[in-house]
Amino acid sequence: MNFIKYIGVDDLDIDLFESQYIVPEGMSYNSYLIEDEKIAIMDTADRRKGDEWKANLTAALAGRKPDYLVAHHMEPDHASLIAEALETYPELKLVCSAQALKMLPNFFDGFQFEGRVITVKEGDTLSLGSHTLHFIAAPMVHWPEVIMSYEDKEKVLFAADGFGKFGALVNETDDWACEARRYYFNICGKYGVQVQNVLKKAATLDIQTICPLHGPVLEGEAMKEAIRLYDIWSRYEPESEGVLVAYASIHGGTAKAAERLGELLREKGAKKVVVSDLSRDDMAEVIEDAFRYPKVVVMAASYDGGVFPVMHDFLYHLQIKNYQKRRFGIVENGSWAPSAGRVMREMIEAMKDCEIAEPTVTIRSRMKPADEEQLNALAESILA
């Protein structure tokens, strides 16, 4: 890939990506420069790191002028420097989808784009000389305007947000899947059908390298494994055997029951049991585990005639991410009028192809011997 230069930047100062996802290892905003008879900039970066990106671009150009700026995705962490690039290089043409063109005024009010934009669609090409970009429509992966591009000589796919992950490149490890999984389910998880459509298009191409907008460049066995996992994830199939026990406890009674249920599941041979406190654990990571494993037990205290809010938030997140094809168990707690089980059941029943194992267990404030018998029965049922 000598003709491609990396000009992206790491962000080690960010605390929450998209104002909601904890990123203790930072974030990368990837951008690339293709050098040929014509020079193409592949996306920009987040304005947070604008000065660094512009310095990287200037150094890579080494005095030459770029011809094209390809915007695969209009989200600000990749596109916020478009206007500055066009101002800096008056001959530069922006290449984007027609839907992206409509979005430009949303982000760059007052900037005159007339005569500066080339719109492309599925099947269009852009010759840079000896290298040609082939454009692939990728709507709703994960915005409607997204395009990807494939360079046929070096066999490189520029995948927009596809195959991205949390974490700055300087902190990159060999375990791509861990943060790629959390990234996928929380950001792209709703759009499995659309991801499948893109994977089918990609299967017709001889791809040797994937250049995403976040995370490392993927090649060889790492690339093949990423494609395999994306196929599993986008079909909403479980990736690993195991059970997630997600609980929402107010005064500790539900928490103690959750820990005991975890012990019972392990005693009965569950290959993996993850017990998560929805009040304290990273919600995005619990959602990741919910997608990773085929079985989930939700355990929550009743609250104001409904369910403790963090459990409602968890199940709502699953609903909006198109969660499906899983087996649930339900445990409710209530001191005088248990109501959590009803709310959790209603939310689960609204999800596609999700079944509920019986019995639903009701605990009154603190777990008692009879409750353990019910937990034991639920453990057997959820593992059946």
Protein backbone atom coordinates (compact mmCIF):
# COMPACT_ATOMS: atom_id res chain seq x y z
CA MET A 1 0.00 0.00 0.00
CA ASN A 2 2.86 2.40 -0.75
CA PHE A 3 0.49 4.61 -2.71
CA ILE A 4 -1.67 5.13 0.40
CA LYS A 5 -0.46 7.30 3.26
CA TYR A 6 -2.13 7.38 6.66
CA ILE A 7 -2.90 10.96 7.72
CA GLY A 8 -5.33 10.26 10.56
CA VAL A 9 -5.00 11.27 14.20
CA ASP A 10 -5.39 9.75 17.65
CA ASP A 11 -7.57 11.39 20.29
CA LEU A 12 -6.36 10.52 23.78
CA ASP A 13 -8.26 13.35 25.47
CA ILE A 14 -11.82 12.26 24.67
CA ASP A 15 -13.82 10.76 27.54
CA LEU A 16 -17.11 9.89 25.82
CA PHE A 17 -17.37 9.05 22.13
CA GLU A 18 -20.64 10.39 20.71
CA SER A 19 -21.25 11.73 24.24
CA GLN A 20 -22.23 8.28 25.51
CA TYR A 21 -19.56 5.60 24.97
CA ILE A 22 -16.70 5.35 27.46
CA VAL A 23 -13.38 5.18 25.59
CA PRO A 24 -10.59 4.72 28.14
CA GLU A 25 -8.14 3.90 25.34
CA GLY A 26 -9.07 6.97 23.30
CA MET A 27 -10.23 7.06 19.70
CA SER A 28 -8.68 7.19 16.25
CA TYR A 29 -10.05 9.32 13.42
CA ASN A 30 -8.66 7.68 10.32
CA SER A 31 -7.94 9.52 7.10
CA TYR A 32 -5.83 8.47 4.13
CA LEU A 33 -4.09 10.06 1.16
CA ILE A 34 -3.93 8.25 -2.20
CA GLU A 35 -1.07 9.42 -4.39
CA ASP A 36 -1.27 8.94 -8.16
CA GLU A 37 -1.53 11.26 -11.16
CA LYS A 38 -4.43 12.67 -9.18
CA ILE A 39 -4.31 12.90 -5.39
CA ALA A 40 -7.31 11.93 -3.29
CA ILE A 41 -7.87 12.68 0.37
CA MET A 42 -10.02 9.97 1.93
CA ASP A 43 -12.12 11.71 4.61
CA THR A 44 -10.98 14.31 7.15
CA ALA A 45 -11.17 14.06 10.96
CA ASP A 46 -12.89 15.40 14.05
CA ARG A 47 -12.48 19.13 14.62
CA ARG A 48 -11.10 18.28 18.07
CA LYS A 49 -7.89 17.23 16.31
CA GLY A 50 -8.14 19.55 13.32
CA ASP A 51 -4.72 21.15 13.65
CA GLU A 52 -2.99 17.78 13.86
CA TRP A 53 -4.88 16.46 10.85
CA LYS A 54 -4.06 19.51 8.74
CA ALA A 55 -0.38 19.18 9.69
CA ASN A 56 -0.42 15.50 8.69
CA LEU A 57 -2.07 16.36 5.37
CA THR A 58 0.43 19.13 4.61
CA ALA A 59 3.38 16.88 5.40
CA ALA A 60 2.03 14.02 3.26
CA LEU A 61 1.34 16.30 0.30
CA ALA A 62 4.93 17.58 0.39
CA GLY A 63 4.03 20.63 -1.67
CA ARG A 64 1.59 18.99 -4.08
CA LYS A 65 -2.05 20.01 -4.37
CA PRO A 66 -4.84 17.48 -3.80
CA ASP A 67 -7.46 16.95 -6.51
CA TYR A 68 -10.26 15.16 -4.66
CA LEU A 69 -11.62 14.88 -1.15
CA VAL A 70 -13.75 11.74 -0.82
CA ALA A 71 -16.29 11.95 2.00
CA HIS A 72 -17.56 8.46 2.75
CA HIS A 73 -19.56 9.53 5.80
CA MET A 74 -20.84 12.94 6.94
CA GLU A 75 -20.67 12.38 10.70
CA PRO A 76 -18.59 15.19 12.25
CA ASP A 77 -15.86 12.92 13.58
CA HIS A 78 -14.91 12.32 9.92
CA ALA A 79 -16.23 15.29 7.98
CA SER A 80 -15.97 18.40 10.14
CA LEU A 81 -12.93 19.73 8.25
CA ILE A 82 -14.41 19.53 4.74
CA ALA A 83 -14.99 23.27 4.38
CA GLU A 84 -11.51 24.13 5.66
CA ALA A 85 -9.93 21.72 3.17
CA LEU A 86 -11.90 23.24 0.30
CA GLU A 87 -10.92 26.74 1.40
CA THR A 88 -7.25 25.80 1.67
CA TYR A 89 -7.15 24.15 -1.77
CA PRO A 90 -9.33 26.13 -4.23
CA GLU A 91 -9.08 23.47 -6.97
CA LEU A 92 -10.10 20.64 -4.66
CA LYS A 93 -13.33 18.79 -5.54
CA LEU A 94 -15.48 17.08 -2.93
CA VAL A 95 -16.67 13.58 -3.89
CA CYS A 96 -19.69 12.28 -1.99
CA SER A 97 -23.12 10.71 -2.36
CA ALA A 98 -26.17 12.71 -3.38
CA GLN A 99 -27.58 12.23 0.12
CA ALA A 100 -24.37 13.63 1.61
CA LEU A 101 -24.65 16.66 -0.67
CA LYS A 102 -28.06 17.39 0.85
CA MET A 103 -26.55 17.19 4.33
CA LEU A 104 -23.68 19.61 3.69
CA PRO A 105 -25.68 22.79 4.56
CA ASN A 106 -26.60 21.21 7.91
CA PHE A 107 -22.95 21.29 8.94
CA PHE A 108 -21.51 24.12 6.83
CA ASP A 109 -24.16 26.81 6.72
CA GLY A 110 -23.26 29.55 4.27
CA PHE A 111 -20.38 27.76 2.59
CA GLN A 112 -20.66 27.87 -1.20
CA PHE A 113 -20.33 24.32 -2.51
CA GLU A 114 -21.53 25.13 -6.05
CA GLY A 115 -19.09 23.76 -8.61
CA ARG A 116 -17.03 22.05 -5.93
CA VAL A 117 -18.92 18.76 -5.57
CA ILE A 118 -18.97 15.54 -7.59
CA THR A 119 -21.78 13.20 -6.55
CA VAL A 120 -21.32 9.46 -6.97
CA LYS A 121 -23.56 6.44 -6.63
CA GLU A 122 -23.32 2.66 -6.67
CA GLY A 123 -21.15 1.51 -9.55
CA ASP A 124 -19.58 4.89 -10.32
CA THR A 125 -15.80 5.11 -10.65
CA LEU A 126 -13.14 7.77 -10.17
CA SER A 127 -9.82 7.37 -11.98
CA LEU A 128 -6.74 8.69 -10.21
CA GLY A 129 -4.36 7.47 -12.91
CA SER A 130 -3.20 3.90 -12.50
CA HIS A 131 -5.63 3.44 -9.60
CA THR A 132 -9.41 3.63 -9.79
CA LEU A 133 -11.97 4.00 -7.02
CA HIS A 134 -15.21 2.02 -7.39
CA PHE A 135 -18.04 3.37 -5.24
CA ILE A 136 -20.32 1.15 -3.21
CA ALA A 137 -23.57 2.39 -1.70
CA ALA A 138 -23.80 1.51 1.99
CA PRO A 139 -26.94 3.28 3.22
CA MET A 140 -27.66 2.99 6.95
CA VAL A 141 -24.24 1.62 7.79
CA HIS A 142 -24.93 3.56 9.83
CA TRP A 143 -26.20 6.82 8.25
CA PRO A 144 -28.23 7.03 5.02
CA GLU A 145 -25.59 8.88 2.98
CA VAL A 146 -22.72 6.42 3.54
CA ILE A 147 -20.65 5.19 0.63
CA MET A 148 -17.62 2.93 0.61
CA SER A 149 -14.97 2.75 -2.08
CA TYR A 150 -12.85 -0.07 -3.49
CA GLU A 151 -9.50 0.52 -5.16
CA ASP A 152 -9.11 -2.31 -7.65
CA LYS A 153 -5.37 -2.29 -8.33
CA GLU A 154 -4.21 -2.63 -4.72
CA LYS A 155 -7.49 -4.34 -3.70
CA VAL A 156 -8.28 -1.98 -0.82
CA LEU A 157 -11.72 -1.37 0.64
CA PHE A 158 -12.28 2.01 2.29
CA ALA A 159 -15.06 0.88 4.61
CA ALA A 160 -16.31 4.10 6.26
CA ASP A 161 -17.46 3.23 9.80
CA GLY A 162 -17.60 -0.46 8.89
CA PHE A 163 -15.02 -2.63 10.68
CA GLY A 164 -14.23 0.21 13.07
CA LYS A 165 -13.49 -0.04 16.76
CA PHE A 166 -13.01 2.03 19.88
CA GLY A 167 -9.46 2.91 20.90
CA ALA A 168 -6.58 5.06 19.67
CA LEU A 169 -4.07 3.39 17.38
CA VAL A 170 -1.25 4.13 19.80
CA ASN A 171 -3.06 1.86 22.28
CA GLU A 172 -3.87 -0.86 19.76
CA THR A 173 -3.62 -4.49 20.90
CA ASP A 174 -3.96 -7.81 19.11
CA ASP A 175 -7.50 -8.23 20.47
CA TRP A 176 -9.38 -6.39 17.73
CA ALA A 177 -12.70 -8.08 18.45
CA CYS A 178 -13.19 -6.84 22.02
CA GLU A 179 -13.64 -3.15 21.28
CA ALA A 180 -14.84 -3.76 17.71
CA ARG A 181 -17.71 -5.79 19.14
CA ARG A 182 -18.71 -3.08 21.62
CA TYR A 183 -18.46 -0.51 18.82
CA TYR A 184 -20.50 -2.55 16.33
CA PHE A 185 -23.46 -3.44 18.54
CA ASN A 186 -23.82 0.00 20.08
CA ILE A 187 -23.37 2.01 16.89
CA CYS A 188 -24.30 -0.24 13.95
CA GLY A 189 -26.24 -2.97 15.77
CA LYS A 190 -29.67 -1.88 14.56
CA TYR A 191 -28.67 -2.19 10.92
CA GLY A 192 -27.91 -5.87 10.49
CA VAL A 193 -29.83 -6.16 7.22
CA GLN A 194 -27.93 -3.25 5.72
CA VAL A 195 -24.59 -4.67 6.90
CA GLN A 196 -25.50 -7.99 5.31
CA ASN A 197 -26.20 -6.20 2.03
CA VAL A 198 -22.74 -4.63 2.06
CA LEU A 199 -21.09 -7.94 2.98
CA LYS A 200 -22.73 -9.53 -0.07
CA LYS A 201 -21.29 -6.79 -2.27
CA ALA A 202 -17.88 -7.17 -0.64
CA ALA A 203 -17.92 -10.92 -1.27
CA THR A 204 -17.80 -10.24 -5.03
CA LEU A 205 -14.56 -8.23 -4.66
CA ASP A 206 -10.98 -9.39 -4.19
CA ILE A 207 -10.30 -7.46 -0.99
CA GLN A 208 -6.81 -7.70 0.47
CA THR A 209 -6.97 -4.73 2.85
CA ILE A 210 -9.72 -2.92 4.73
CA CYS A 211 -9.15 0.71 5.73
CA PRO A 212 -11.82 1.73 8.28
CA LEU A 213 -12.48 5.19 9.69
CA HIS A 214 -11.73 4.00 13.25
CA GLY A 215 -9.20 1.45 14.40
CA PRO A 216 -6.42 -0.43 12.65
CA VAL A 217 -6.03 -1.28 8.98
CA LEU A 218 -7.04 -4.93 8.55
CA GLU A 219 -5.15 -7.42 6.40
CA GLY A 220 -4.58 -11.17 6.15
CA GLU A 221 -6.07 -13.41 8.82
CA ALA A 222 -7.16 -10.43 10.94
CA MET A 223 -9.26 -9.15 8.03
CA LYS A 224 -10.81 -12.57 7.41
CA GLU A 225 -11.72 -12.90 11.08
CA ALA A 226 -13.26 -9.43 11.10
CA ILE A 227 -15.44 -10.32 8.10
CA ARG A 228 -16.46 -13.61 9.76
CA LEU A 229 -17.51 -11.82 12.94
CA TYR A 230 -19.39 -9.11 11.04
CA ASP A 231 -21.38 -11.82 9.31
CA ILE A 232 -22.35 -13.37 12.66
CA TRP A 233 -23.10 -10.05 14.31
CA SER A 234 -25.18 -8.68 11.45
CA ARG A 235 -27.32 -11.85 11.35
CA TYR A 236 -28.03 -11.37 15.08
CA GLU A 237 -26.64 -14.80 15.83
CA PRO A 238 -24.88 -15.51 19.16
CA GLU A 239 -21.12 -15.49 18.87
CA SER A 240 -20.28 -17.53 22.00
CA GLU A 241 -21.99 -19.93 24.37
CA GLY A 242 -22.86 -18.28 27.65
CA VAL A 243 -25.40 -16.50 29.84
CA LEU A 244 -25.60 -12.83 30.73
CA VAL A 245 -27.20 -12.04 34.08
CA ALA A 246 -28.03 -8.33 34.06
CA TYR A 247 -29.43 -6.91 37.29
CA ALA A 248 -30.75 -3.61 38.64
CA SER A 249 -30.69 -3.53 42.43
CA ILE A 250 -31.61 -0.72 44.82
CA HIS A 251 -30.67 -1.96 48.30
CA GLY A 252 -28.70 -5.10 47.47
CA GLY A 253 -31.38 -7.79 47.60
CA THR A 254 -31.57 -8.24 43.84
CA ALA A 255 -27.76 -8.07 43.58
CA LYS A 256 -27.37 -10.96 46.05
CA ALA A 257 -29.92 -13.02 44.11
CA ALA A 258 -28.08 -12.30 40.85
CA GLU A 259 -24.77 -13.49 42.28
CA ARG A 260 -26.45 -16.65 43.54
CA LEU A 261 -28.07 -17.30 40.17
CA GLY A 262 -24.67 -16.90 38.55
CA GLU A 263 -23.28 -19.56 40.89
CA LEU A 264 -26.17 -21.93 40.10
CA LEU A 265 -25.67 -21.50 36.35
CA ARG A 266 -21.96 -22.30 36.66
CA GLU A 267 -22.72 -25.35 38.83
CA LYS A 268 -25.09 -26.58 36.13
CA GLY A 269 -22.42 -26.39 33.45
CA ALA A 270 -22.86 -23.01 31.78
CA LYS A 271 -19.69 -22.42 29.74
CA LYS A 272 -19.61 -18.72 30.53
CA VAL A 273 -21.61 -16.61 32.96
CA VAL A 274 -21.34 -12.82 33.07
CA VAL A 275 -23.06 -11.05 35.98
CA SER A 276 -23.45 -7.30 35.37
CA ASP A 277 -24.65 -4.48 37.61
CA LEU A 278 -26.58 -2.12 35.36
CA SER A 279 -26.21 0.72 37.85
CA ARG A 280 -22.42 0.61 37.82
CA ASP A 281 -21.10 -1.30 34.82
CA ASP A 282 -20.58 0.25 31.40
CA MET A 283 -23.98 0.01 29.71
CA ALA A 284 -22.39 -0.32 26.27
CA GLU A 285 -20.38 -3.32 27.45
CA VAL A 286 -23.47 -5.02 28.90
CA ILE A 287 -25.27 -4.48 25.59
CA GLU A 288 -22.26 -6.03 23.85
CA ASP A 289 -22.55 -9.11 26.08
CA ALA A 290 -26.29 -9.33 25.48
CA PHE A 291 -25.59 -9.66 21.76
CA ARG A 292 -22.62 -11.97 22.28
CA TYR A 293 -24.43 -14.68 24.24
CA PRO A 294 -27.64 -16.57 23.41
CA LYS A 295 -29.21 -16.37 26.87
CA VAL A 296 -29.98 -13.42 29.13
CA VAL A 297 -31.52 -13.25 32.59
CA VAL A 298 -32.86 -9.84 33.60
CA MET A 299 -33.29 -9.22 37.32
CA ALA A 300 -34.70 -5.96 38.64
CA ALA A 301 -36.33 -4.24 41.57
CA SER A 302 -39.79 -2.79 41.17
CA TYR A 303 -39.91 1.01 41.17
CA ASP A 304 -42.81 3.48 41.08
CA GLY A 305 -45.19 0.80 39.82
CA GLY A 306 -42.77 -0.19 37.06
CA VAL A 307 -39.15 -1.28 36.89
CA PHE A 308 -35.96 0.27 38.26
CA PRO A 309 -34.92 2.83 35.58
CA VAL A 310 -31.52 1.38 34.65
CA MET A 311 -33.20 -1.90 33.67
CA HIS A 312 -35.73 -0.04 31.56
CA ASP A 313 -32.84 1.80 29.92
CA PHE A 314 -31.03 -1.47 29.21
CA LEU A 315 -34.06 -3.15 27.62
CA TYR A 316 -34.85 0.04 25.69
CA HIS A 317 -31.33 0.04 24.28
CA LEU A 318 -31.81 -3.55 23.14
CA GLN A 319 -35.13 -2.68 21.52
CA ILE A 320 -33.74 0.21 19.49
CA LYS A 321 -30.77 -1.92 18.39
CA ASN A 322 -33.16 -4.46 16.85
CA TYR A 323 -32.28 -7.14 19.42
CA GLN A 324 -33.61 -10.59 18.52
CA LYS A 325 -33.22 -14.38 18.55
CA ARG A 326 -32.47 -14.78 22.27
CA ARG A 327 -33.80 -16.69 25.29
CA PHE A 328 -34.63 -14.68 28.42
CA GLY A 329 -35.23 -15.40 32.07
CA ILE A 330 -36.97 -12.91 34.38
CA VAL A 331 -36.51 -12.26 38.10
CA GLU A 332 -38.39 -9.44 39.81
CA ASN A 333 -38.11 -8.02 43.29
CA GLY A 334 -40.73 -6.05 45.19
CA SER A 335 -41.41 -5.36 48.86
CA TRP A 336 -45.19 -4.88 48.63
CA ALA A 337 -46.39 -4.85 44.98
CA PRO A 338 -43.89 -6.44 42.57
CA SER A 339 -44.24 -4.84 39.13
CA ALA A 340 -40.81 -5.19 37.50
CA GLY A 341 -41.55 -8.59 35.96
CA ARG A 342 -44.59 -7.30 34.07
CA VAL A 343 -42.66 -4.38 32.57
CA MET A 344 -39.65 -6.51 31.63
CA ARG A 345 -41.88 -9.14 30.03
CA GLU A 346 -43.70 -6.53 27.96
CA MET A 347 -40.44 -5.07 26.70
CA ILE A 348 -38.99 -8.48 25.84
CA GLU A 349 -42.16 -9.59 24.07
CA ALA A 350 -41.84 -6.52 21.84
CA MET A 351 -38.50 -7.89 20.54
CA LYS A 352 -38.31 -10.19 17.54
CA ASP A 353 -37.97 -13.96 18.06
CA CYS A 354 -37.22 -13.75 21.77
CA GLU A 355 -38.61 -16.41 24.09
CA ILE A 356 -39.03 -16.27 27.86
CA ALA A 357 -38.07 -19.23 30.03
CA GLU A 358 -40.28 -20.10 32.97
CA PRO A 359 -40.67 -19.70 35.84
CA THR A 360 -40.64 -15.97 36.36
CA VAL A 361 -39.20 -15.61 39.85
CA THR A 362 -40.56 -13.11 42.36
CA ILE A 363 -38.48 -12.13 45.38
CA ARG A 364 -39.85 -10.15 48.29
CA SER A 365 -37.08 -7.78 49.36
CA ARG A 366 -34.51 -10.42 50.35
CA MET A 367 -33.88 -13.91 48.98
CA LYS A 368 -35.22 -16.76 51.11
CA PRO A 369 -34.84 -20.57 50.84
CA ALA A 370 -37.98 -20.92 48.74
CA ASP A 371 -36.62 -18.28 46.36
CA GLU A 372 -33.44 -20.29 45.85
CA GLU A 373 -35.55 -23.22 44.78
CA GLN A 374 -37.18 -21.00 42.16
CA LEU A 375 -33.81 -19.66 41.02
CA ASN A 376 -32.60 -23.22 40.66
CA ALA A 377 -35.62 -24.06 38.50
CA LEU A 378 -35.01 -20.97 36.36
CA ALA A 379 -31.33 -21.87 35.94
CA GLU A 380 -32.31 -25.29 34.66
CA SER A 381 -34.93 -23.82 32.36
CA ILE A 382 -32.69 -21.13 30.85
CA LEU A 383 -29.99 -23.72 30.10
CA ALA A 384 -32.42 -26.25 28.59
